[in-house]
PDB file of N, CA and C in Angstrom:
ATOM      1  N   MET A   1      44.196-184.221  -2.018  1.00  0.00           N
ATOM      2  CA  MET A   1      43.356-185.056  -2.688  1.00  0.00           C
ATOM      3  C   MET A   1      42.812-183.667  -3.686  1.00  0.00           C
ATOM      4  N   THR A   2      43.457-182.570  -3.420  1.00  0.00           N
ATOM      5  CA  THR A   2      42.926-181.080  -3.814  1.00  0.00           C
ATOM      6  C   THR A   2      44.167-181.404  -5.398  1.00  0.00           C
ATOM      7  N   THR A   3      45.263-181.798  -5.033  1.00  0.00           N
ATOM      8  CA  THR A   3      46.477-182.114  -6.176  1.00  0.00           C
ATOM      9  C   THR A   3      46.177-182.493  -6.898  1.00  0.00           C
ATOM     10  N   LEU A   4      45.367-183.965  -7.316  1.00  0.00           N
ATOM     11  CA  LEU A   4      45.190-185.147  -7.426  1.00  0.00           C
ATOM     12  C   LEU A   4      44.210-184.937  -8.952  1.00  0.00           C
ATOM     13  N   LEU A   5      42.713-183.955  -7.903  1.00  0.00           N
ATOM     14  CA  LEU A   5      42.285-183.749  -8.581  1.00  0.00           C
ATOM     15  C   LEU A   5      42.403-182.600 -10.661  1.00  0.00           C
ATOM     16  N   VAL A   6      43.253-181.483  -9.645  1.00  0.00           N
ATOM     17  CA  VAL A   6      43.752-180.555 -10.369  1.00  0.00           C
ATOM     18  C   VAL A   6      44.927-181.161 -11.855  1.00  0.00           C
ATOM     19  N   SER A   7      45.573-182.364 -11.173  1.00  0.00           N
ATOM     20  CA  SER A   7      46.279-182.804 -12.138  1.00  0.00           C
ATOM     21  C   SER A   7      45.260-183.631 -12.716  1.00  0.00           C
ATOM     22  N   MET A   8      44.316-184.047 -12.225  1.00  0.00           N
ATOM     23  CA  MET A   8      43.490-184.736 -13.674  1.00  0.00           C
ATOM     24  C   MET A   8      42.496-184.320 -14.352  1.00  0.00           C
ATOM     25  N   LEU A   9      42.012-182.799 -13.717  1.00  0.00           N
ATOM     26  CA  LEU A   9      41.633-181.941 -14.539  1.00  0.00           C
ATOM     27  C   LEU A   9      42.624-181.619 -16.114  1.00  0.00           C
ATOM     28  N   ARG A  10      43.721-181.148 -15.532  1.00  0.00           N
ATOM     29  CA  ARG A  10      44.575-180.234 -16.689  1.00  0.00           C
ATOM     30  C   ARG A  10      45.403-181.584 -17.420  1.00  0.00           C
ATOM     31  N   GLY A  11      45.109-183.098 -17.365  1.00  0.00           N
ATOM     32  CA  GLY A  11      45.389-183.942 -18.168  1.00  0.00           C
ATOM     33  C   GLY A  11      44.166-184.380 -19.061  1.00  0.00           C
ATOM     34  N   GLY A  12      43.244-183.923 -18.488  1.00  0.00           N
ATOM     35  CA  GLY A  12      42.236-183.785 -19.000  1.00  0.00           C
ATOM     36  C   GLY A  12      41.961-182.915 -20.646  1.00  0.00           C
ATOM     37  N   ILE A  13      42.406-181.755 -20.262  1.00  0.00           N
ATOM     38  CA  ILE A  13      42.153-180.814 -21.168  1.00  0.00           C
ATOM     39  C   ILE A  13      43.536-180.768 -22.036  1.00  0.00           C
ATOM     40  N   LEU A  14      44.272-181.253 -21.661  1.00  0.00           N
ATOM     41  CA  LEU A  14      45.501-181.540 -22.524  1.00  0.00           C
ATOM     42  C   LEU A  14      45.001-182.341 -23.538  1.00  0.00           C
ATOM     43  N   VAL A  15      44.299-183.646 -23.603  1.00  0.00           N
ATOM     44  CA  VAL A  15      44.497-184.526 -23.935  1.00  0.00           C
ATOM     45  C   VAL A  15      42.669-183.851 -25.334  1.00  0.00           C
ATOM     46  N   LEU A  16      42.122-183.220 -24.399  1.00  0.00           N
ATOM     47  CA  LEU A  16      41.147-182.360 -25.462  1.00  0.00           C
ATOM     48  C   LEU A  16      41.769-181.539 -26.712  1.00  0.00           C
ATOM     49  N   ALA A  17      43.022-180.823 -26.352  1.00  0.00           N
ATOM     50  CA  ALA A  17      43.432-179.977 -26.785  1.00  0.00           C
ATOM     51  C   ALA A  17      43.911-180.730 -28.026  1.00  0.00           C
ATOM     52  N   LEU A  18      44.801-182.049 -27.663  1.00  0.00           N
ATOM     53  CA  LEU A  18      45.427-182.603 -28.876  1.00  0.00           C
ATOM     54  C   LEU A  18      44.445-183.334 -29.656  1.00  0.00           C
ATOM     55  N   VAL A  19      42.595-183.305 -28.965  1.00  0.00           N
ATOM     56  CA  VAL A  19      41.999-184.418 -29.555  1.00  0.00           C
ATOM     57  C   VAL A  19      41.298-182.754 -31.042  1.00  0.00           C
ATOM     58  N   LEU A  20      41.406-182.001 -30.838  1.00  0.00           N
ATOM     59  CA  LEU A  20      41.352-180.746 -31.121  1.00  0.00           C
ATOM     60  C   LEU A  20      42.051-180.445 -32.213  1.00  0.00           C
ATOM     61  N   ALA A  21      43.214-180.158 -31.726  1.00  0.00           N
ATOM     62  CA  ALA A  21      44.408-179.622 -33.030  1.00  0.00           C
ATOM     63  C   ALA A  21      44.406-180.804 -34.175  1.00  0.00           C
ATOM     64  N   SER A  22      44.596-182.068 -34.111  1.00  0.00           N
ATOM     65  CA  SER A  22      44.580-183.493 -34.838  1.00  0.00           C
ATOM     66  C   SER A  22      43.327-183.130 -35.306  1.00  0.00           C
ATOM     67  N   ALA A  23      42.168-183.165 -34.947  1.00  0.00           N
ATOM     68  CA  ALA A  23      40.963-182.569 -36.174  1.00  0.00           C
ATOM     69  C   ALA A  23      41.080-181.586 -36.752  1.00  0.00           C
ATOM     70  N   GLY A  24      42.265-180.383 -36.193  1.00  0.00           N
ATOM     71  CA  GLY A  24      41.727-178.806 -37.210  1.00  0.00           C
ATOM     72  C   GLY A  24      42.730-179.384 -38.148  1.00  0.00           C
ATOM     73  N   ALA A  25      43.632-180.618 -38.252  1.00  0.00           N
ATOM     74  CA  ALA A  25      44.450-181.098 -38.906  1.00  0.00           C
ATOM     75  C   ALA A  25      43.903-180.984 -40.421  1.00  0.00           C
ATOM     76  N   VAL A  26      42.641-181.472 -40.814  1.00  0.00           N
ATOM     77  CA  VAL A  26      41.964-181.789 -41.908  1.00  0.00           C
ATOM     78  C   VAL A  26      41.323-180.370 -42.067  1.00  0.00           C
ATOM     79  N   ARG A  27      41.037-178.984 -42.690  1.00  0.00           N
ATOM     80  CA  ARG A  27      40.610-177.964 -43.089  1.00  0.00           C
ATOM     81  C   ARG A  27      39.108-178.010 -43.599  1.00  0.00           C
ATOM     82  N   ALA A  28      37.579-178.327 -42.693  1.00  0.00           N
ATOM     83  CA  ALA A  28      36.513-178.261 -42.844  1.00  0.00           C
ATOM     84  C   ALA A  28      36.428-177.085 -44.070  1.00  0.00           C
ATOM     85  N   ASP A  29      36.966-175.757 -44.164  1.00  0.00           N
ATOM     86  CA  ASP A  29      36.810-175.269 -45.371  1.00  0.00           C
ATOM     87  C   ASP A  29      37.478-175.511 -46.654  1.00  0.00           C
ATOM     88  N   ALA A  30      38.231-176.292 -46.572  1.00  0.00           N
ATOM     89  CA  ALA A  30      39.081-176.618 -47.469  1.00  0.00           C
ATOM     90  C   ALA A  30      38.107-177.737 -48.795  1.00  0.00           C
ATOM     91  N   PRO A  31      38.568-176.653 -50.521  1.00  0.00           N
ATOM     92  CA  PRO A  31      37.714-177.716 -51.584  1.00  0.00           C
ATOM     93  C   PRO A  31      37.764-179.239 -51.267  1.00  0.00           C
ATOM     94  N   ARG A  32      37.134-179.896 -51.415  1.00  0.00           N
ATOM     95  CA  ARG A  32      37.283-181.184 -51.560  1.00  0.00           C
ATOM     96  C   ARG A  32      36.930-180.975 -53.164  1.00  0.00           C
ATOM     97  N   GLU A  33      38.395-181.486 -53.842  1.00  0.00           N
ATOM     98  CA  GLU A  33      38.451-182.550 -54.913  1.00  0.00           C
ATOM     99  C   GLU A  33      37.649-183.766 -55.377  1.00  0.00           C
ATOM    100  N   ARG A  34      36.584-183.781 -56.536  1.00  0.00           N
ATOM    101  CA  ARG A  34      36.245-185.286 -56.198  1.00  0.00           C
ATOM    102  C   ARG A  34      36.281-185.234 -57.648  1.00  0.00           C
ATOM    103  N   PRO A  35      36.110-186.977 -58.476  1.00  0.00           N
ATOM    104  CA  PRO A  35      36.070-186.979 -59.664  1.00  0.00           C
ATOM    105  C   PRO A  35      34.718-186.835 -60.530  1.00  0.00           C
ATOM    106  N   CYS A  36      35.522-186.551 -62.158  1.00  0.00           N
ATOM    107  CA  CYS A  36      34.066-185.344 -62.485  1.00  0.00           C
ATOM    108  C   CYS A  36      32.765-186.792 -62.756  1.00  0.00           C
ATOM    109  N   GLY A  37      32.013-186.450 -62.450  1.00  0.00           N
ATOM    110  CA  GLY A  37      30.653-187.209 -63.049  1.00  0.00           C
ATOM    111  C   GLY A  37      29.870-187.897 -61.444  1.00  0.00           C
ATOM    112  N   GLU A  38      30.874-187.305 -60.659  1.00  0.00           N
ATOM    113  CA  GLU A  38      29.604-187.914 -59.232  1.00  0.00           C
ATOM    114  C   GLU A  38      28.915-186.666 -58.703  1.00  0.00           C
ATOM    115  N   GLY A  39      28.812-185.191 -59.078  1.00  0.00           N
ATOM    116  CA  GLY A  39      27.816-184.136 -58.960  1.00  0.00           C
ATOM    117  C   GLY A  39      27.263-184.872 -60.022  1.00  0.00           C
ATOM    118  N   LEU A  40      25.448-183.908 -59.170  1.00  0.00           N
ATOM    119  CA  LEU A  40      24.337-184.768 -59.858  1.00  0.00           C
ATOM    120  C   LEU A  40      24.103-183.109 -61.123  1.00  0.00           C
ATOM    121  N   GLN A  41      25.381-181.923 -60.653  1.00  0.00           N
ATOM    122  CA  GLN A  41      25.153-181.329 -62.159  1.00  0.00           C
ATOM    123  C   GLN A  41      26.413-181.330 -63.241  1.00  0.00           C
ATOM    124  N   ASP A  42      27.194-182.106 -63.128  1.00  0.00           N
ATOM    125  CA  ASP A  42      28.471-182.481 -63.966  1.00  0.00           C
ATOM    126  C   ASP A  42      27.753-182.211 -65.223  1.00  0.00           C
ATOM    127  N   TRP A  43      29.054-182.012 -66.470  1.00  0.00           N
ATOM    128  CA  TRP A  43      28.999-181.992 -67.623  1.00  0.00           C
ATOM    129  C   TRP A  43      30.538-182.161 -67.971  1.00  0.00           C
ATOM    130  N   CYS A  44      30.802-183.164 -67.893  1.00  0.00           N
ATOM    131  CA  CYS A  44      32.362-183.584 -67.759  1.00  0.00           C
ATOM    132  C   CYS A  44      32.601-183.500 -69.233  1.00  0.00           C
ATOM    133  N   PRO A  45      34.227-183.107 -69.569  1.00  0.00           N
ATOM    134  CA  PRO A  45      34.691-183.382 -70.835  1.00  0.00           C
ATOM    135  C   PRO A  45      34.732-184.540 -71.308  1.00  0.00           C
ATOM    136  N   ALA A  46      34.169-184.885 -73.064  1.00  0.00           N
ATOM    137  CA  ALA A  46      35.122-186.040 -73.673  1.00  0.00           C
ATOM    138  C   ALA A  46      36.462-185.223 -73.812  1.00  0.00           C
ATOM    139  N   PRO A  47      37.351-187.235 -74.361  1.00  0.00           N
ATOM    140  CA  PRO A  47      38.839-186.868 -74.590  1.00  0.00           C
ATOM    141  C   PRO A  47      38.436-185.836 -75.448  1.00  0.00           C
ATOM    142  N   SER A  48      39.699-185.606 -76.146  1.00  0.00           N
ATOM    143  CA  SER A  48      40.030-184.027 -77.076  1.00  0.00           C
ATOM    144  C   SER A  48      39.951-185.556 -78.162  1.00  0.00           C
ATOM    145  N   GLY A  49      39.124-184.689 -79.231  1.00  0.00           N
ATOM    146  CA  GLY A  49      38.857-184.754 -80.512  1.00  0.00           C
ATOM    147  C   GLY A  49      37.766-185.760 -80.897  1.00  0.00           C
ATOM    148  N   ASP A  50      37.382-185.625 -79.506  1.00  0.00           N
ATOM    149  CA  ASP A  50      35.713-186.980 -79.579  1.00  0.00           C
ATOM    150  C   ASP A  50      34.673-185.926 -80.136  1.00  0.00           C
ATOM    151  N   PRO A  51      34.430-186.471 -81.366  1.00  0.00           N
ATOM    152  CA  PRO A  51      33.620-184.929 -81.763  1.00  0.00           C
ATOM    153  C   PRO A  51      31.906-184.641 -81.261  1.00  0.00           C
ATOM    154  N   CYS A  52      31.388-185.797 -79.817  1.00  0.00           N
ATOM    155  CA  CYS A  52      30.462-185.933 -79.487  1.00  0.00           C
ATOM    156  C   CYS A  52      31.067-184.890 -77.467  1.00  0.00           C
ATOM    157  N   GLY A  53      32.066-184.716 -77.911  1.00  0.00           N
ATOM    158  CA  GLY A  53      32.137-183.616 -76.952  1.00  0.00           C
ATOM    159  C   GLY A  53      31.629-182.135 -77.019  1.00  0.00           C
ATOM    160  N   ALA A  54      30.962-182.248 -78.570  1.00  0.00           N
ATOM    161  CA  ALA A  54      30.090-180.544 -78.734  1.00  0.00           C
ATOM    162  C   ALA A  54      28.771-180.595 -78.196  1.00  0.00           C
ATOM    163  N   HIS A  55      28.911-181.797 -78.021  1.00  0.00           N
ATOM    164  CA  HIS A  55      27.197-181.630 -76.785  1.00  0.00           C
ATOM    165  C   HIS A  55      27.268-181.059 -75.348  1.00  0.00           C
ATOM    166  N   LYS A  56      26.921-180.343 -75.254  1.00  0.00           N
ATOM    167  CA  LYS A  56      26.744-179.814 -74.237  1.00  0.00           C
ATOM    168  C   LYS A  56      25.670-180.527 -72.897  1.00  0.00           C
ATOM    169  N   ASP A  57      24.795-180.938 -73.577  1.00  0.00           N
ATOM    170  CA  ASP A  57      23.919-181.298 -72.326  1.00  0.00           C
ATOM    171  C   ASP A  57      23.096-182.572 -72.913  1.00  0.00           C
ATOM    172  N   ARG A  58      22.676-183.119 -72.122  1.00  0.00           N
ATOM    173  CA  ARG A  58      22.088-184.620 -72.660  1.00  0.00           C
ATOM    174  C   ARG A  58      21.140-184.313 -74.059  1.00  0.00           C
ATOM    175  N   GLU A  59      20.017-183.924 -73.790  1.00  0.00           N
ATOM    176  CA  GLU A  59      19.263-183.588 -74.800  1.00  0.00           C
ATOM    177  C   GLU A  59      20.023-184.247 -77.056  1.00  0.00           C
ATOM    178  N   SER A  60      20.441-183.039 -76.465  1.00  0.00           N
ATOM    179  CA  SER A  60      21.550-183.083 -78.017  1.00  0.00           C
ATOM    180  C   SER A  60      22.479-184.423 -77.772  1.00  0.00           C
ATOM    181  N   CYS A  61      22.983-184.751 -77.292  1.00  0.00           N
ATOM    182  CA  CYS A  61      24.221-186.196 -76.929  1.00  0.00           C
ATOM    183  C   CYS A  61      23.004-187.104 -77.136  1.00  0.00           C
ATOM    184  N   LYS A  62      22.229-187.296 -76.883  1.00  0.00           N
ATOM    185  CA  LYS A  62      21.193-188.341 -77.276  1.00  0.00           C
ATOM    186  C   LYS A  62      20.406-188.024 -78.557  1.00  0.00           C
ATOM    187  N   ALA A  63      20.308-187.271 -79.294  1.00  0.00           N
ATOM    188  CA  ALA A  63      19.658-186.855 -80.555  1.00  0.00           C
ATOM    189  C   ALA A  63      20.612-187.098 -81.297  1.00  0.00           C
ATOM    190  N   ASP A  64      22.301-187.808 -81.368  1.00  0.00           N
ATOM    191  CA  ASP A  64      23.222-187.503 -82.645  1.00  0.00           C
ATOM    192  C   ASP A  64      22.862-188.848 -82.091  1.00  0.00           C
ATOM    193  N   PRO A  65      23.274-190.366 -83.174  1.00  0.00           N
ATOM    194  CA  PRO A  65      23.430-191.675 -82.775  1.00  0.00           C
ATOM    195  C   PRO A  65      24.733-191.680 -82.620  1.00  0.00           C
ATOM    196  N   ARG A  66      25.639-191.011 -83.307  1.00  0.00           N
ATOM    197  CA  ARG A  66      26.984-191.735 -82.701  1.00  0.00           C
ATOM    198  C   ARG A  66      27.619-191.729 -81.070  1.00  0.00           C
ATOM    199  N   CYS A  67      26.717-190.840 -80.545  1.00  0.00           N
ATOM    200  CA  CYS A  67      27.382-190.708 -79.139  1.00  0.00           C
ATOM    201  C   CYS A  67      26.463-191.301 -77.776  1.00  0.00           C
ATOM    202  N   TYR A  68      27.270-191.361 -77.015  1.00  0.00           N
ATOM    203  CA  TYR A  68      26.494-192.479 -75.804  1.00  0.00           C
ATOM    204  C   TYR A  68      26.320-191.849 -74.381  1.00  0.00           C
ATOM    205  N   GLY A  69      25.727-191.814 -73.600  1.00  0.00           N
ATOM    206  CA  GLY A  69      26.065-191.169 -72.576  1.00  0.00           C
ATOM    207  C   GLY A  69      26.679-191.465 -71.422  1.00  0.00           C
ATOM    208  N   MET A  70      27.949-190.535 -70.925  1.00  0.00           N
ATOM    209  CA  MET A  70      28.688-190.672 -69.625  1.00  0.00           C
ATOM    210  C   MET A  70      28.302-191.001 -68.533  1.00  0.00           C
ATOM    211  N   PRO A  71      28.406-192.227 -67.448  1.00  0.00           N
ATOM    212  CA  PRO A  71      27.314-192.347 -66.690  1.00  0.00           C
ATOM    213  C   PRO A  71      28.093-191.528 -65.416  1.00  0.00           C
ATOM    214  N   PHE A  72      26.613-191.781 -64.355  1.00  0.00           N
ATOM    215  CA  PHE A  72      26.617-190.919 -63.474  1.00  0.00           C
ATOM    216  C   PHE A  72      27.860-191.614 -61.748  1.00  0.00           C
ATOM    217  N   ARG A  73      28.639-191.302 -61.681  1.00  0.00           N
ATOM    218  CA  ARG A  73      29.373-192.050 -60.549  1.00  0.00           C
ATOM    219  C   ARG A  73      29.317-191.891 -59.344  1.00  0.00           C
ATOM    220  N   GLY A  74      27.653-190.666 -58.788  1.00  0.00           N
ATOM    221  CA  GLY A  74      27.128-190.421 -57.530  1.00  0.00           C
ATOM    222  C   GLY A  74      27.059-191.800 -56.768  1.00  0.00           C
ATOM    223  N   GLU A  75      26.337-190.979 -55.646  1.00  0.00           N
ATOM    224  CA  GLU A  75      25.409-192.018 -54.935  1.00  0.00           C
ATOM    225  C   GLU A  75      24.244-191.936 -55.343  1.00  0.00           C
ATOM    226  N   SER A  76      23.106-192.863 -55.323  1.00  0.00           N
ATOM    227  CA  SER A  76      22.272-192.663 -55.499  1.00  0.00           C
ATOM    228  C   SER A  76      21.125-193.470 -54.163  1.00  0.00           C
ATOM    229  N   PHE A  77      20.152-193.219 -54.578  1.00  0.00           N
ATOM    230  CA  PHE A  77      19.165-194.236 -53.456  1.00  0.00           C
ATOM    231  C   PHE A  77      18.889-195.498 -53.890  1.00  0.00           C
ATOM    232  N   ALA A  78      18.725-195.544 -55.314  1.00  0.00           N
ATOM    233  CA  ALA A  78      18.495-196.841 -56.141  1.00  0.00           C
ATOM    234  C   ALA A  78      19.586-196.980 -57.320  1.00  0.00           C
ATOM    235  N   PRO A  79      19.641-198.501 -57.802  1.00  0.00           N
ATOM    236  CA  PRO A  79      20.985-198.584 -58.841  1.00  0.00           C
ATOM    237  C   PRO A  79      20.734-197.544 -59.762  1.00  0.00           C
ATOM    238  N   CYS A  80      21.721-197.127 -60.753  1.00  0.00           N
ATOM    239  CA  CYS A  80      21.083-196.318 -61.508  1.00  0.00           C
ATOM    240  C   CYS A  80      21.113-197.470 -63.717  1.00  0.00           C
ATOM    241  N   SER A  81      19.975-197.217 -63.865  1.00  0.00           N
ATOM    242  CA  SER A  81      19.501-197.572 -64.756  1.00  0.00           C
ATOM    243  C   SER A  81      19.024-197.503 -66.208  1.00  0.00           C
ATOM    244  N   TYR A  82      20.359-198.246 -66.892  1.00  0.00           N
ATOM    245  CA  TYR A  82      20.999-197.801 -68.469  1.00  0.00           C
ATOM    246  C   TYR A  82      20.461-198.172 -69.579  1.00  0.00           C
ATOM    247  N   ASP A  83      20.318-197.162 -70.503  1.00  0.00           N
ATOM    248  CA  ASP A  83      19.685-197.838 -71.625  1.00  0.00           C
ATOM    249  C   ASP A  83      21.130-198.265 -72.577  1.00  0.00           C
ATOM    250  N   ALA A  84      21.081-198.792 -73.222  1.00  0.00           N
ATOM    251  CA  ALA A  84      22.243-199.004 -74.286  1.00  0.00           C
ATOM    252  C   ALA A  84      22.970-198.814 -74.857  1.00  0.00           C
ATOM    253  N   ARG A  85      22.801-196.885 -75.017  1.00  0.00           N
ATOM    254  CA  ARG A  85      23.745-195.906 -75.086  1.00  0.00           C
ATOM    255  C   ARG A  85      24.199-195.253 -73.809  1.00  0.00           C
ATOM    256  N   GLY A  86      24.033-195.951 -72.750  1.00  0.00           N
ATOM    257  CA  GLY A  86      24.428-195.085 -71.528  1.00  0.00           C
ATOM    258  C   GLY A  86      23.354-194.367 -70.631  1.00  0.00           C
ATOM    259  N   PHE A  87      21.896-193.762 -71.350  1.00  0.00           N
ATOM    260  CA  PHE A  87      21.040-192.270 -71.313  1.00  0.00           C
ATOM    261  C   PHE A  87      20.368-193.286 -69.680  1.00  0.00           C
ATOM    262  N   ALA A  88      20.646-192.852 -68.830  1.00  0.00           N
ATOM    263  CA  ALA A  88      19.763-193.806 -67.914  1.00  0.00           C
ATOM    264  C   ALA A  88      18.264-192.915 -67.619  1.00  0.00           C
ATOM    265  N   ALA A  89      17.122-193.767 -67.203  1.00  0.00           N
ATOM    266  CA  ALA A  89      16.223-192.807 -66.969  1.00  0.00           C
ATOM    267  C   ALA A  89      16.266-192.567 -65.346  1.00  0.00           C
ATOM    268  N   ASN A  90      16.836-192.717 -64.468  1.00  0.00           N
ATOM    269  CA  ASN A  90      16.852-192.021 -63.268  1.00  0.00           C
ATOM    270  C   ASN A  90      18.014-191.781 -62.647  1.00  0.00           C
ATOM    271  N   CYS A  91      19.155-191.422 -63.161  1.00  0.00           N
ATOM    272  CA  CYS A  91      20.368-190.855 -62.718  1.00  0.00           C
ATOM    273  C   CYS A  91      20.070-189.683 -63.801  1.00  0.00           C
ATOM    274  N   PRO A  92      21.339-188.552 -63.598  1.00  0.00           N
ATOM    275  CA  PRO A  92      21.741-188.087 -64.697  1.00  0.00           C
ATOM    276  C   PRO A  92      22.951-188.366 -65.421  1.00  0.00           C
ATOM    277  N   THR A  93      22.688-187.869 -66.360  1.00  0.00           N
ATOM    278  CA  THR A  93      24.212-188.004 -67.834  1.00  0.00           C
ATOM    279  C   THR A  93      24.904-187.018 -67.729  1.00  0.00           C
ATOM    280  N   VAL A  94      25.955-187.401 -67.081  1.00  0.00           N
ATOM    281  CA  VAL A  94      27.116-186.413 -66.453  1.00  0.00           C
ATOM    282  C   VAL A  94      27.988-186.325 -68.027  1.00  0.00           C
ATOM    283  N   GLY A  95      28.059-186.725 -69.134  1.00  0.00           N
ATOM    284  CA  GLY A  95      29.130-186.060 -70.486  1.00  0.00           C
ATOM    285  C   GLY A  95      28.769-186.490 -71.553  1.00  0.00           C
ATOM    286  N   CYS A  96      29.215-187.169 -72.476  1.00  0.00           N
ATOM    287  CA  CYS A  96      28.788-187.645 -74.142  1.00  0.00           C
ATOM    288  C   CYS A  96      29.968-187.855 -74.828  1.00  0.00           C
ATOM    289  N   THR A  97      30.155-188.988 -75.069  1.00  0.00           N
ATOM    290  CA  THR A  97      31.251-188.760 -75.448  1.00  0.00           C
ATOM    291  C   THR A  97      31.031-190.369 -76.839  1.00  0.00           C
ATOM    292  N   SER A  98      31.882-190.448 -77.363  1.00  0.00           N
ATOM    293  CA  SER A  98      31.740-191.788 -78.294  1.00  0.00           C
ATOM    294  C   SER A  98      31.713-192.649 -78.542  1.00  0.00           C
ATOM    295  N   THR A  99      32.395-193.048 -77.207  1.00  0.00           N
ATOM    296  CA  THR A  99      33.295-194.166 -76.630  1.00  0.00           C
ATOM    297  C   THR A  99      31.551-195.090 -76.334  1.00  0.00           C
ATOM    298  N   PRO A 100      31.463-196.575 -75.895  1.00  0.00           N
ATOM    299  CA  PRO A 100      30.038-197.072 -76.270  1.00  0.00           C
ATOM    300  C   PRO A 100      30.394-197.097 -74.443  1.00  0.00           C
ATOM    301  N   PRO A 101      29.132-197.535 -74.266  1.00  0.00           N
ATOM    302  CA  PRO A 101      29.416-197.891 -72.162  1.00  0.00           C
ATOM    303  C   PRO A 101      30.124-199.617 -72.215  1.00  0.00           C
ATOM    304  N   ARG A 102      30.627-199.538 -71.190  1.00  0.00           N
ATOM    305  CA  ARG A 102      30.749-200.932 -70.631  1.00  0.00           C
ATOM    306  C   ARG A 102      30.014-201.871 -70.087  1.00  0.00           C
ATOM    307  N   ASP A 103      29.438-202.988 -70.197  1.00  0.00           N
ATOM    308  CA  ASP A 103      28.771-204.126 -69.745  1.00  0.00           C
ATOM    309  C   ASP A 103      29.544-204.157 -68.176  1.00  0.00           C
TER     310      ASP A 103
END
């Protein structure tokens, strides 16, 4: 009986070690790459040559009638509510572009 118990305990430890080793395959301290626009503080670059890329904040972008806001792509508690130029009242603007938003 004691040998069976010791054998089961060793088997359980082996299984636990394998589970922990496989969980360690994804390092917790590894940086997570995410697309620009998913972070609340993101300011994404406009395509090369886009004149609206010169704007570095929401206010200056919105003040330029040629420009549109880039939509926030992250998670929010409520759906983002955008105006015709892509600026949301309840979500951050994450960039500035001369490309109109898609419907």
